[in-house]
C-alpha atoms as a PDB file:
ATOM      1  CA  UNK A   1      16.092 -99.113 138.856  1.00  0.00           C
ATOM      2  CA  UNK A   2      17.214 -95.513 138.647  1.00  0.00           C
ATOM      3  CA  UNK A   3      20.109 -94.313 140.774  1.00  0.00           C
ATOM      4  CA  UNK A   4      19.387 -91.290 142.939  1.00  0.00           C
ATOM      5  CA  UNK A   5      22.296 -88.869 142.570  1.00  0.00           C
ATOM      6  CA  UNK A   6      21.141 -86.851 145.559  1.00  0.00           C
ATOM      7  CA  UNK A   7      21.129 -83.113 145.608  1.00  0.00           C
ATOM      8  CA  UNK A   8      18.946 -80.701 147.475  1.00  0.00           C
ATOM      9  CA  UNK A   9      15.702 -80.011 145.651  1.00  0.00           C
ATOM     10  CA  UNK A  10      14.243 -77.809 148.368  1.00  0.00           C
ATOM     11  CA  UNK A  11      15.362 -77.226 151.951  1.00  0.00           C
ATOM     12  CA  UNK A  12      13.205 -78.764 154.645  1.00  0.00           C
ATOM     13  CA  UNK A  13      11.322 -76.598 157.104  1.00  0.00           C
ATOM     14  CA  UNK A  14      13.655 -77.732 159.891  1.00  0.00           C
ATOM     15  CA  UNK A  15      16.738 -76.672 157.882  1.00  0.00           C
ATOM     16  CA  UNK A  16      15.167 -73.288 157.111  1.00  0.00           C
ATOM     17  CA  UNK A  17      14.328 -72.855 160.794  1.00  0.00           C
ATOM     18  CA  UNK A  18      17.873 -73.812 161.812  1.00  0.00           C
ATOM     19  CA  UNK A  19      19.402 -71.269 159.384  1.00  0.00           C
ATOM     20  CA  UNK A  20      17.005 -68.539 160.509  1.00  0.00           C
ATOM     21  CA  UNK A  21      17.841 -69.137 164.180  1.00  0.00           C
ATOM     22  CA  UNK A  22      21.559 -69.376 163.392  1.00  0.00           C
ATOM     23  CA  UNK A  23      21.451 -66.026 161.561  1.00  0.00           C
ATOM     24  CA  UNK A  24      19.705 -64.356 164.498  1.00  0.00           C
ATOM     25  CA  UNK A  25      22.251 -65.709 166.975  1.00  0.00           C
ATOM     26  CA  UNK A  26      25.168 -64.863 164.654  1.00  0.00           C
ATOM     27  CA  UNK A  27      24.076 -61.231 164.390  1.00  0.00           C
ATOM     28  CA  UNK A  28      23.679 -60.899 168.150  1.00  0.00           C
ATOM     29  CA  UNK A  29      27.037 -62.582 168.829  1.00  0.00           C
ATOM     30  CA  UNK A  30      29.302 -61.054 166.192  1.00  0.00           C
ATOM     31  CA  UNK A  31      29.458 -57.384 167.208  1.00  0.00           C
ATOM     32  CA  UNK A  32      30.125 -57.621 170.965  1.00  0.00           C
ATOM     33  CA  UNK A  33      32.599 -60.487 170.592  1.00  0.00           C
ATOM     34  CA  UNK A  34      34.678 -59.606 167.531  1.00  0.00           C
ATOM     35  CA  UNK A  35      37.891 -59.376 169.543  1.00  0.00           C
ATOM     36  CA  UNK A  36      37.723 -62.661 171.443  1.00  0.00           C
ATOM     37  CA  UNK A  37      39.952 -65.621 170.722  1.00  0.00           C
ATOM     38  CA  UNK A  38      38.232 -68.554 169.034  1.00  0.00           C
ATOM     39  CA  UNK A  39      35.333 -66.482 167.714  1.00  0.00           C
ATOM     40  CA  UNK A  40      34.175 -69.112 165.221  1.00  0.00           C
ATOM     41  CA  UNK A  41      34.018 -71.853 167.861  1.00  0.00           C
ATOM     42  CA  UNK A  42      32.294 -69.477 170.282  1.00  0.00           C
ATOM     43  CA  UNK A  43      29.550 -68.649 167.771  1.00  0.00           C
ATOM     44  CA  UNK A  44      29.068 -72.291 166.743  1.00  0.00           C
ATOM     45  CA  UNK A  45      28.781 -73.312 170.405  1.00  0.00           C
ATOM     46  CA  UNK A  46      26.181 -70.585 171.075  1.00  0.00           C
ATOM     47  CA  UNK A  47      24.124 -71.664 168.077  1.00  0.00           C
ATOM     48  CA  UNK A  48      24.368 -75.366 169.023  1.00  0.00           C
ATOM     49  CA  UNK A  49      23.163 -74.573 172.551  1.00  0.00           C
ATOM     50  CA  UNK A  50      20.302 -72.346 171.417  1.00  0.00           C
ATOM     51  CA  UNK A  51      18.872 -74.338 168.523  1.00  0.00           C
ATOM     52  CA  UNK A  52      16.817 -77.441 168.975  1.00  0.00           C
ATOM     53  CA  UNK A  53      17.957 -80.682 167.463  1.00  0.00           C
ATOM     54  CA  UNK A  54      15.179 -81.006 164.896  1.00  0.00           C
ATOM     55  CA  UNK A  55      17.269 -82.180 161.965  1.00  0.00           C
ATOM     56  CA  UNK A  56      18.755 -85.664 161.882  1.00  0.00           C
ATOM     57  CA  UNK A  57      21.865 -85.667 164.046  1.00  0.00           C
ATOM     58  CA  UNK A  58      23.834 -88.202 162.042  1.00  0.00           C
ATOM     59  CA  UNK A  59      23.870 -89.887 158.683  1.00  0.00           C
ATOM     60  CA  UNK A  60      26.556 -92.277 159.828  1.00  0.00           C
ATOM     61  CA  UNK A  61      28.497 -92.909 163.012  1.00  0.00           C
ATOM     62  CA  UNK A  62      31.332 -90.547 162.053  1.00  0.00           C
ATOM     63  CA  UNK A  63      29.552 -87.367 160.989  1.00  0.00           C
ATOM     64  CA  UNK A  64      27.345 -84.946 162.858  1.00  0.00           C
ATOM     65  CA  UNK A  65      25.165 -83.304 160.210  1.00  0.00           C
ATOM     66  CA  UNK A  66      23.933 -80.510 162.461  1.00  0.00           C
ATOM     67  CA  UNK A  67      27.462 -79.486 163.439  1.00  0.00           C
ATOM     68  CA  UNK A  68      28.656 -79.659 159.818  1.00  0.00           C
ATOM     69  CA  UNK A  69      25.768 -77.470 158.634  1.00  0.00           C
ATOM     70  CA  UNK A  70      26.366 -74.914 161.391  1.00  0.00           C
ATOM     71  CA  UNK A  71      30.131 -74.859 160.807  1.00  0.00           C
ATOM     72  CA  UNK A  72      29.610 -74.205 157.100  1.00  0.00           C
ATOM     73  CA  UNK A  73      27.005 -71.539 157.884  1.00  0.00           C
ATOM     74  CA  UNK A  74      29.290 -69.712 160.347  1.00  0.00           C
ATOM     75  CA  UNK A  75      32.308 -69.908 157.996  1.00  0.00           C
ATOM     76  CA  UNK A  76      30.313 -68.328 155.166  1.00  0.00           C
ATOM     77  CA  UNK A  77      28.802 -65.652 157.419  1.00  0.00           C
ATOM     78  CA  UNK A  78      32.206 -64.746 158.924  1.00  0.00           C
ATOM     79  CA  UNK A  79      33.688 -64.443 155.432  1.00  0.00           C
ATOM     80  CA  UNK A  80      30.827 -62.181 154.344  1.00  0.00           C
ATOM     81  CA  UNK A  81      30.980 -60.104 157.540  1.00  0.00           C
ATOM     82  CA  UNK A  82      34.741 -59.540 157.213  1.00  0.00           C
ATOM     83  CA  UNK A  83      34.396 -58.658 153.540  1.00  0.00           C
ATOM     84  CA  UNK A  84      31.844 -55.978 154.432  1.00  0.00           C
ATOM     85  CA  UNK A  85      33.959 -54.709 157.353  1.00  0.00           C
ATOM     86  CA  UNK A  86      37.024 -54.421 155.117  1.00  0.00           C
ATOM     87  CA  UNK A  87      34.998 -52.440 152.583  1.00  0.00           C
ATOM     88  CA  UNK A  88      33.872 -50.048 155.323  1.00  0.00           C
ATOM     89  CA  UNK A  89      37.431 -49.637 156.627  1.00  0.00           C
ATOM     90  CA  UNK A  90      38.769 -48.954 153.137  1.00  0.00           C
ATOM     91  CA  UNK A  91      36.056 -46.411 152.379  1.00  0.00           C
ATOM     92  CA  UNK A  92      36.744 -44.586 155.674  1.00  0.00           C
ATOM     93  CA  UNK A  93      40.476 -44.403 155.036  1.00  0.00           C
ATOM     94  CA  UNK A  94      41.620 -41.031 153.674  1.00  0.00           C
ATOM     95  CA  UNK A  95      44.775 -42.334 152.007  1.00  0.00           C
ATOM     96  CA  UNK A  96      43.769 -45.713 150.624  1.00  0.00           C
ATOM     97  CA  UNK A  97      47.210 -46.829 149.491  1.00  0.00           C
ATOM     98  CA  UNK A  98      49.330 -45.799 152.481  1.00  0.00           C
ATOM     99  CA  UNK A  99      46.868 -46.498 155.270  1.00  0.00           C
ATOM    100  CA  UNK A 100      45.177 -49.735 154.346  1.00  0.00           C
ATOM    101  CA  UNK A 101      43.379 -51.161 157.356  1.00  0.00           C
ATOM    102  CA  UNK A 102      41.702 -54.528 157.136  1.00  0.00           C
ATOM    103  CA  UNK A 103      39.905 -56.767 159.552  1.00  0.00           C
ATOM    104  CA  UNK A 104      41.618 -60.116 159.999  1.00  0.00           C
ATOM    105  CA  UNK A 105      40.077 -63.339 161.222  1.00  0.00           C
ATOM    106  CA  UNK A 106      42.558 -65.731 162.778  1.00  0.00           C
ATOM    107  CA  UNK A 107      41.599 -69.386 162.983  1.00  0.00           C
ATOM    108  CA  UNK A 108      42.179 -70.840 166.421  1.00  0.00           C
END
């Protein structure tokens, strides 16, 4: 008997659909709410409310797969968004060494 080591061979249609919907909601939520407290939790909550539960909710009693996937997705997207914003701020700055403005994400 061969042991299955796991690993994602190809994402399921439901996972692709979840990521597509999450990206759409992320883009609509990020710009108007960049200055609110608890932005990450706010975006995750909006995505959880808007997306249907069409992937298995749990693998065990202790973990919620859907929430874990969405949390990872939002963390990566926030990192990418802030990296792009910082690049824009640095390119707009006239004196790059003295006037270094950066966007900061504070975890709440």
